Amino acid sequence: MRIFTRDEATALLPRLIPSLEMLRDAKGEVEQLRAELDALTPIMRGNGSGAEAARVENRLTELAGSVRRQVRKVLTQGVIIKDLDQGLIDFPTERDGRVVMLCWRLGEESISYWHEFDGGFAGRLPL
């Protein structure tokens, strides 16, 4: 596990933000496409037409590939993705001789919070 200083984590943010925004947006689109596909299934049974379902499935396949690439891009940096909707990520760091997490989410101006290793967002404390 990579251990970050606050400065190292902050320096990564400009490279991570586009990936996190893409992942957040893709998750929303996947949910919308799945709803479309669910709605199409009864229609297809009734009229035998699968062209629209194929279009939706193809787009889902494209999105899945893009999501995998972006997730890999983030994870290879040593960052932990916690929530795609919020763009919430953790950076392992050391504090008082133990591993804790620097915590940041899309829209925050800087890395200003930390939490215990297993504490999560609800346990965030100011740095």
Protein backbone atom coordinates (compact mmCIF):
# COMPACT_ATOMS: atom_id res chain seq x y z
CA MET A 1 0.00 0.00 0.00
CA ARG A 2 1.36 3.37 -0.98
CA ILE A 3 1.56 5.94 1.82
CA PHE A 4 0.95 9.57 0.83
CA THR A 5 1.89 12.85 2.41
CA ARG A 6 -0.76 15.54 2.18
CA ASP A 7 1.35 17.35 -0.42
CA GLU A 8 1.72 14.20 -2.55
CA ALA A 9 -2.02 13.56 -2.43
CA THR A 10 -2.77 17.18 -3.29
CA ALA A 11 -0.38 17.05 -6.25
CA LEU A 12 -2.31 14.08 -7.68
CA LEU A 13 -5.72 15.78 -7.59
CA PRO A 14 -5.44 17.56 -10.97
CA ARG A 15 -4.79 14.18 -12.62
CA LEU A 16 -7.51 12.37 -10.68
CA ILE A 17 -10.35 14.87 -11.03
CA PRO A 18 -11.08 14.16 -14.75
CA SER A 19 -11.18 10.41 -14.06
CA LEU A 20 -13.47 10.85 -11.05
CA GLU A 21 -15.82 13.12 -13.00
CA MET A 22 -15.93 10.60 -15.85
CA LEU A 23 -16.66 7.76 -13.42
CA ARG A 24 -19.44 9.71 -11.70
CA ASP A 25 -21.03 10.60 -15.04
CA ALA A 26 -20.64 7.07 -16.42
CA LYS A 27 -22.31 5.58 -13.35
CA GLY A 28 -25.31 7.82 -13.92
CA GLU A 29 -25.46 6.88 -17.59
CA VAL A 30 -25.18 3.16 -16.78
CA GLU A 31 -28.12 3.45 -14.39
CA GLN A 32 -30.16 5.26 -17.05
CA LEU A 33 -29.28 2.70 -19.74
CA ARG A 34 -30.13 -0.22 -17.46
CA ALA A 35 -33.54 1.34 -16.80
CA GLU A 36 -34.03 1.73 -20.57
CA LEU A 37 -33.05 -1.89 -21.14
CA ASP A 38 -35.41 -3.07 -18.40
CA ALA A 39 -38.23 -1.11 -20.03
CA LEU A 40 -37.41 -2.53 -23.46
CA THR A 41 -37.44 -6.16 -22.40
CA PRO A 42 -41.27 -6.49 -22.18
CA ILE A 43 -41.64 -4.57 -25.46
CA MET A 44 -39.19 -6.89 -27.22
CA ARG A 45 -41.16 -9.91 -26.10
CA GLY A 46 -44.27 -8.38 -27.60
CA ASN A 47 -42.94 -7.31 -30.99
CA GLY A 48 -39.68 -9.23 -31.42
CA SER A 49 -37.65 -6.07 -32.10
CA GLY A 50 -34.23 -6.06 -30.53
CA ALA A 51 -32.47 -3.23 -32.38
CA GLU A 52 -32.97 -0.67 -29.63
CA ALA A 53 -31.94 -3.16 -26.97
CA ALA A 54 -28.80 -3.97 -28.97
CA ARG A 55 -27.96 -0.25 -29.14
CA VAL A 56 -28.35 0.09 -25.38
CA GLU A 57 -26.31 -3.07 -24.74
CA ASN A 58 -23.53 -1.83 -27.04
CA ARG A 59 -23.38 1.49 -25.20
CA LEU A 60 -23.26 -0.36 -21.86
CA THR A 61 -20.33 -2.42 -23.16
CA GLU A 62 -18.50 0.73 -24.28
CA LEU A 63 -19.11 2.37 -20.91
CA ALA A 64 -17.92 -0.71 -19.04
CA GLY A 65 -14.61 -0.58 -20.91
CA SER A 66 -14.19 3.13 -20.21
CA VAL A 67 -15.04 2.66 -16.54
CA ARG A 68 -12.53 -0.19 -16.18
CA ARG A 69 -9.77 1.96 -17.73
CA GLN A 70 -10.53 4.96 -15.50
CA VAL A 71 -10.79 2.85 -12.33
CA ARG A 72 -7.46 1.21 -13.16
CA LYS A 73 -5.93 4.65 -13.79
CA VAL A 74 -7.01 5.84 -10.33
CA LEU A 75 -6.15 2.64 -8.46
CA THR A 76 -2.66 2.37 -9.97
CA GLN A 77 -1.88 5.69 -8.27
CA GLY A 78 -2.47 4.03 -4.89
CA VAL A 79 -5.74 5.88 -4.33
CA ILE A 80 -8.82 4.14 -2.90
CA ILE A 81 -12.17 4.90 -4.55
CA LYS A 82 -14.91 5.04 -1.92
CA ASP A 83 -17.98 6.46 -3.69
CA LEU A 84 -18.44 7.15 -7.40
CA ASP A 85 -21.48 9.41 -6.98
CA GLN A 86 -19.56 11.80 -4.73
CA GLY A 87 -16.16 11.29 -6.33
CA LEU A 88 -14.99 10.28 -2.86
CA ILE A 89 -11.44 8.97 -2.53
CA ASP A 90 -9.01 8.11 0.24
CA PHE A 91 -5.23 8.37 0.35
CA PRO A 92 -3.45 6.16 2.91
CA THR A 93 -1.20 8.27 5.12
CA GLU A 94 0.57 8.03 8.46
CA ARG A 95 -0.58 9.91 11.52
CA ASP A 96 0.86 9.37 14.98
CA GLY A 97 2.60 6.18 13.84
CA ARG A 98 -0.46 4.48 12.35
CA VAL A 99 -2.03 4.28 8.90
CA VAL A 100 -5.11 6.48 8.49
CA MET A 101 -6.81 7.98 5.45
CA LEU A 102 -6.70 11.42 3.94
CA CYS A 103 -10.23 11.92 2.63
CA TRP A 104 -11.30 14.09 -0.34
CA ARG A 105 -14.33 14.35 -2.62
CA LEU A 106 -15.15 16.17 -5.83
CA GLY A 107 -15.91 19.81 -5.24
CA GLU A 108 -13.67 20.24 -2.22
CA GLU A 109 -10.96 22.82 -2.74
CA SER A 110 -8.27 20.94 -0.86
CA ILE A 111 -7.54 17.83 1.15
CA SER A 112 -8.73 19.01 4.54
CA TYR A 113 -9.98 15.85 6.26
CA TRP A 114 -8.79 12.50 7.52
CA HIS A 115 -10.37 9.47 9.15
CA GLU A 116 -9.29 6.24 10.77
CA PHE A 117 -8.39 3.42 8.40
CA ASP A 118 -11.80 1.78 8.83
CA GLY A 119 -13.69 4.91 9.91
CA GLY A 120 -15.16 6.07 6.63
CA PHE A 121 -16.71 9.36 5.58
CA ALA A 122 -18.90 9.67 8.67
CA GLY A 123 -15.77 9.68 10.82
CA ARG A 124 -14.00 12.49 8.96
CA LEU A 125 -12.04 14.92 11.08
CA PRO A 126 -10.38 18.18 10.05
CA LEU A 127 -6.63 18.03 9.51
